[in-house]
Amino acid sequence: MPRKPNSLIRACLALTTTTALTGLALVQTGEAGATATEAVSPGALTPDHSITLITGDRVSVDAKGKVVGVRRAEGREHVPFQARTVRGHTLVVPTDAAALVASGRIDQRLFDITELNKAANRADQHDGVKVIIGFKGAASAARKDVRDAATMRRTLKSLDAEAVRAPKQDPGRLWDAVTEGDKAAPGVAHV
């Protein structure tokens, strides 16, 4: 059963139109533990390092882990981002992923810069983005697309899922395989 979006996610979704028009996003601060963050800009960056998202976009952070900008993946130059802090964690979510995150189809931890920036996670993701893709039914086309876009690590039969690693050079191919615009691809249950 899909989770209902919480009020913070709904607030972010309501801002998608504004975000698309201005390239900026502000988050309402009515929810406990949530605060607004500065807009994420694609301007000149002097990052300490960058974190690659499943979308192929790279979030640049300074030495203290603060987000200083986003380098959009090729073909995603038009996609705005929403940055917000929830319970001390900074989330940087492209607007084309916001509805999928809100519905629970895409795990918000894939956009949690605070977690992804931890040394153990950076080391674990050094060779590419590792994720588990859950499927619905046979989903043979979806499975083929995922296998073409990523390296199979393990089949999880009891979960009807596959653990895969998207190549560091082009993780956006996996994103394209599991999504169609702002919706999950047919046959993909969750990521």
Protein backbone atom coordinates (compact mmCIF):
# COMPACT_ATOMS: atom_id res chain seq x y z
CA MET A 1 0.00 0.00 0.00
CA PRO A 2 1.61 3.31 -1.02
CA ARG A 3 2.33 5.83 1.72
CA LYS A 4 0.39 9.05 1.78
CA PRO A 5 2.60 12.08 1.26
CA ASN A 6 3.25 14.03 4.44
CA SER A 7 2.47 17.71 4.62
CA LEU A 8 6.09 18.75 3.94
CA ILE A 9 6.18 16.78 0.69
CA ARG A 10 2.75 18.14 -0.30
CA ALA A 11 4.03 21.66 0.36
CA CYS A 12 7.02 21.00 -1.88
CA LEU A 13 4.80 19.60 -4.60
CA ALA A 14 2.62 22.68 -4.41
CA LEU A 15 5.71 24.76 -5.07
CA THR A 16 6.67 22.86 -8.21
CA THR A 17 4.99 25.40 -10.49
CA THR A 18 6.80 28.27 -8.79
CA THR A 19 10.04 26.32 -8.87
CA ALA A 20 9.71 25.58 -12.57
CA LEU A 21 9.11 29.24 -13.31
CA THR A 22 11.81 30.73 -11.12
CA GLY A 23 14.33 27.96 -10.59
CA LEU A 24 14.06 28.58 -6.84
CA ALA A 25 12.17 26.77 -4.12
CA LEU A 26 11.23 27.71 -0.60
CA VAL A 27 9.72 25.21 1.79
CA GLN A 28 6.99 26.06 4.27
CA THR A 29 8.24 25.56 7.82
CA GLY A 30 5.05 24.47 9.57
CA GLU A 31 6.12 20.82 10.02
CA ALA A 32 8.13 19.82 13.08
CA GLY A 33 11.78 19.37 12.22
CA ALA A 34 11.54 21.01 8.79
CA THR A 35 13.17 24.27 7.87
CA ALA A 36 13.56 26.20 4.66
CA THR A 37 16.92 26.13 2.93
CA GLU A 38 18.45 28.37 0.34
CA ALA A 39 17.68 27.72 -3.28
CA VAL A 40 20.14 25.47 -5.08
CA SER A 41 21.78 27.32 -7.92
CA PRO A 42 23.75 25.97 -10.87
CA GLY A 43 26.26 28.83 -10.66
CA ALA A 44 30.04 28.66 -10.40
CA LEU A 45 31.00 26.17 -7.73
CA THR A 46 34.08 25.65 -5.64
CA PRO A 47 33.06 22.40 -3.96
CA ASP A 48 35.07 20.24 -1.64
CA HIS A 49 33.51 17.30 -3.50
CA SER A 50 30.30 16.25 -5.19
CA ILE A 51 27.72 13.56 -4.55
CA THR A 52 26.13 11.81 -7.51
CA LEU A 53 22.38 11.29 -7.34
CA ILE A 54 20.53 8.44 -9.05
CA THR A 55 19.41 11.02 -11.63
CA GLY A 56 23.02 11.58 -12.68
CA ASP A 57 22.96 15.11 -11.27
CA ARG A 58 25.84 16.01 -8.96
CA VAL A 59 25.33 17.93 -5.74
CA SER A 60 28.41 19.89 -4.69
CA VAL A 61 29.11 20.26 -0.98
CA ASP A 62 31.75 22.21 0.88
CA ALA A 63 34.12 20.77 3.50
CA LYS A 64 31.41 21.10 6.17
CA GLY A 65 28.85 19.19 4.07
CA LYS A 66 26.81 22.26 3.18
CA VAL A 67 25.24 22.16 -0.29
CA VAL A 68 26.84 24.81 -2.49
CA GLY A 69 25.22 23.92 -5.81
CA VAL A 70 24.09 21.37 -8.35
CA ARG A 71 25.59 20.31 -11.66
CA ARG A 72 22.77 18.95 -13.71
CA ALA A 73 23.33 15.85 -15.82
CA GLU A 74 23.34 16.15 -19.59
CA GLY A 75 19.79 16.51 -20.86
CA ARG A 76 18.54 17.65 -17.43
CA GLU A 77 19.66 21.27 -17.64
CA HIS A 78 16.04 22.47 -17.41
CA VAL A 79 15.15 20.50 -14.23
CA PRO A 80 14.83 22.70 -11.11
CA PHE A 81 15.73 21.39 -7.65
CA GLN A 82 14.18 21.74 -4.23
CA ALA A 83 16.50 21.82 -1.23
CA ARG A 84 15.16 21.48 2.29
CA THR A 85 16.28 20.36 5.72
CA VAL A 86 14.21 17.76 7.54
CA ARG A 87 15.22 16.68 11.04
CA GLY A 88 18.80 17.82 10.46
CA HIS A 89 19.14 16.13 7.05
CA THR A 90 19.51 18.11 3.83
CA LEU A 91 17.45 16.74 0.96
CA VAL A 92 18.12 17.91 -2.60
CA VAL A 93 15.31 16.64 -4.83
CA PRO A 94 14.88 17.39 -8.54
CA THR A 95 11.29 18.38 -9.26
CA ASP A 96 10.83 15.45 -11.64
CA ALA A 97 11.46 13.12 -8.68
CA ALA A 98 9.34 14.98 -6.09
CA ALA A 99 6.05 13.17 -6.80
CA LEU A 100 7.82 9.78 -6.84
CA VAL A 101 9.47 10.54 -3.50
CA ALA A 102 6.16 11.77 -2.05
CA SER A 103 4.40 8.57 -3.12
CA GLY A 104 7.14 6.34 -1.71
CA ARG A 105 7.99 4.90 -5.14
CA ILE A 106 11.48 6.42 -4.92
CA ASP A 107 13.19 6.34 -1.53
CA GLN A 108 13.99 9.86 -0.30
CA ARG A 109 17.31 8.56 1.06
CA LEU A 110 18.57 8.61 -2.55
CA PHE A 111 18.43 12.43 -2.26
CA ASP A 112 19.55 12.75 1.40
CA ILE A 113 22.82 14.65 1.03
CA THR A 114 23.59 14.40 4.76
CA GLU A 115 23.58 10.57 4.59
CA LEU A 116 25.14 10.28 1.15
CA ASN A 117 27.99 12.56 2.26
CA LYS A 118 29.04 10.30 5.14
CA ALA A 119 32.49 8.80 4.54
CA ALA A 120 31.22 5.20 4.58
CA ASN A 121 28.49 5.98 2.04
CA ARG A 122 30.87 7.92 -0.22
CA ALA A 123 33.28 4.97 -0.17
CA ASP A 124 30.44 2.49 -0.82
CA GLN A 125 29.18 4.52 -3.78
CA HIS A 126 32.67 5.20 -5.20
CA ASP A 127 32.18 2.95 -8.24
CA GLY A 128 28.57 3.96 -8.85
CA VAL A 129 25.17 4.43 -7.27
CA LYS A 130 23.86 1.25 -5.63
CA VAL A 131 20.10 0.77 -5.38
CA ILE A 132 17.45 -1.92 -5.05
CA ILE A 133 14.73 -1.90 -7.70
CA GLY A 134 11.42 -3.60 -6.85
CA PHE A 135 9.19 -4.84 -9.65
CA LYS A 136 5.48 -5.52 -10.15
CA GLY A 137 4.58 -8.83 -11.77
CA ALA A 138 6.68 -10.21 -14.60
CA ALA A 139 7.90 -6.73 -15.63
CA SER A 140 10.20 -8.26 -18.22
CA ALA A 141 10.65 -5.00 -20.16
CA ALA A 142 11.44 -3.06 -16.97
CA ARG A 143 13.92 -5.71 -15.82
CA LYS A 144 15.65 -5.65 -19.20
CA ASP A 145 15.87 -1.85 -19.16
CA VAL A 146 17.33 -1.88 -15.65
CA ARG A 147 19.88 -4.58 -16.56
CA ASP A 148 20.89 -2.62 -19.68
CA ALA A 149 21.44 0.52 -17.60
CA ALA A 150 23.15 -0.96 -14.54
CA THR A 151 25.28 -3.85 -13.33
CA MET A 152 23.36 -6.61 -11.60
CA ARG A 153 24.68 -7.25 -8.09
CA ARG A 154 22.07 -9.62 -6.68
CA THR A 155 18.56 -10.93 -7.35
CA LEU A 156 16.23 -10.73 -4.36
CA LYS A 157 13.56 -13.21 -5.41
CA SER A 158 11.51 -13.09 -2.21
CA LEU A 159 11.17 -9.31 -2.65
CA ASP A 160 10.72 -9.42 -6.44
CA ALA A 161 13.66 -7.03 -6.60
CA GLU A 162 17.19 -6.66 -7.92
CA ALA A 163 20.17 -4.96 -6.33
CA VAL A 164 22.07 -3.06 -9.01
CA ARG A 165 24.90 -0.57 -9.39
CA ALA A 166 24.50 2.30 -11.85
CA PRO A 167 27.83 3.15 -13.49
CA LYS A 168 29.53 6.19 -12.01
CA GLN A 169 30.03 7.65 -15.48
CA ASP A 170 26.32 7.59 -16.37
CA PRO A 171 23.91 6.84 -13.48
CA GLY A 172 21.24 8.82 -15.31
CA ARG A 173 20.67 5.83 -17.61
CA LEU A 174 19.28 3.91 -14.64
CA TRP A 175 17.04 6.87 -13.76
CA ASP A 176 15.71 6.82 -17.32
CA ALA A 177 15.11 3.06 -17.04
CA VAL A 178 13.03 3.31 -13.85
CA THR A 179 11.06 6.45 -14.70
CA GLU A 180 8.92 7.94 -17.42
CA GLY A 181 8.93 11.66 -16.84
CA ASP A 182 7.73 12.20 -13.29
CA LYS A 183 6.18 8.70 -12.99
CA ALA A 184 7.66 5.26 -12.36
CA ALA A 185 8.21 3.17 -15.48
CA PRO A 186 5.64 0.38 -16.04
CA GLY A 187 6.61 -2.65 -14.00
CA VAL A 188 8.72 -0.70 -11.48
CA ALA A 189 7.21 -0.85 -7.99
CA HIS A 190 9.84 1.09 -6.05
CA VAL A 191 13.47 2.19 -5.99
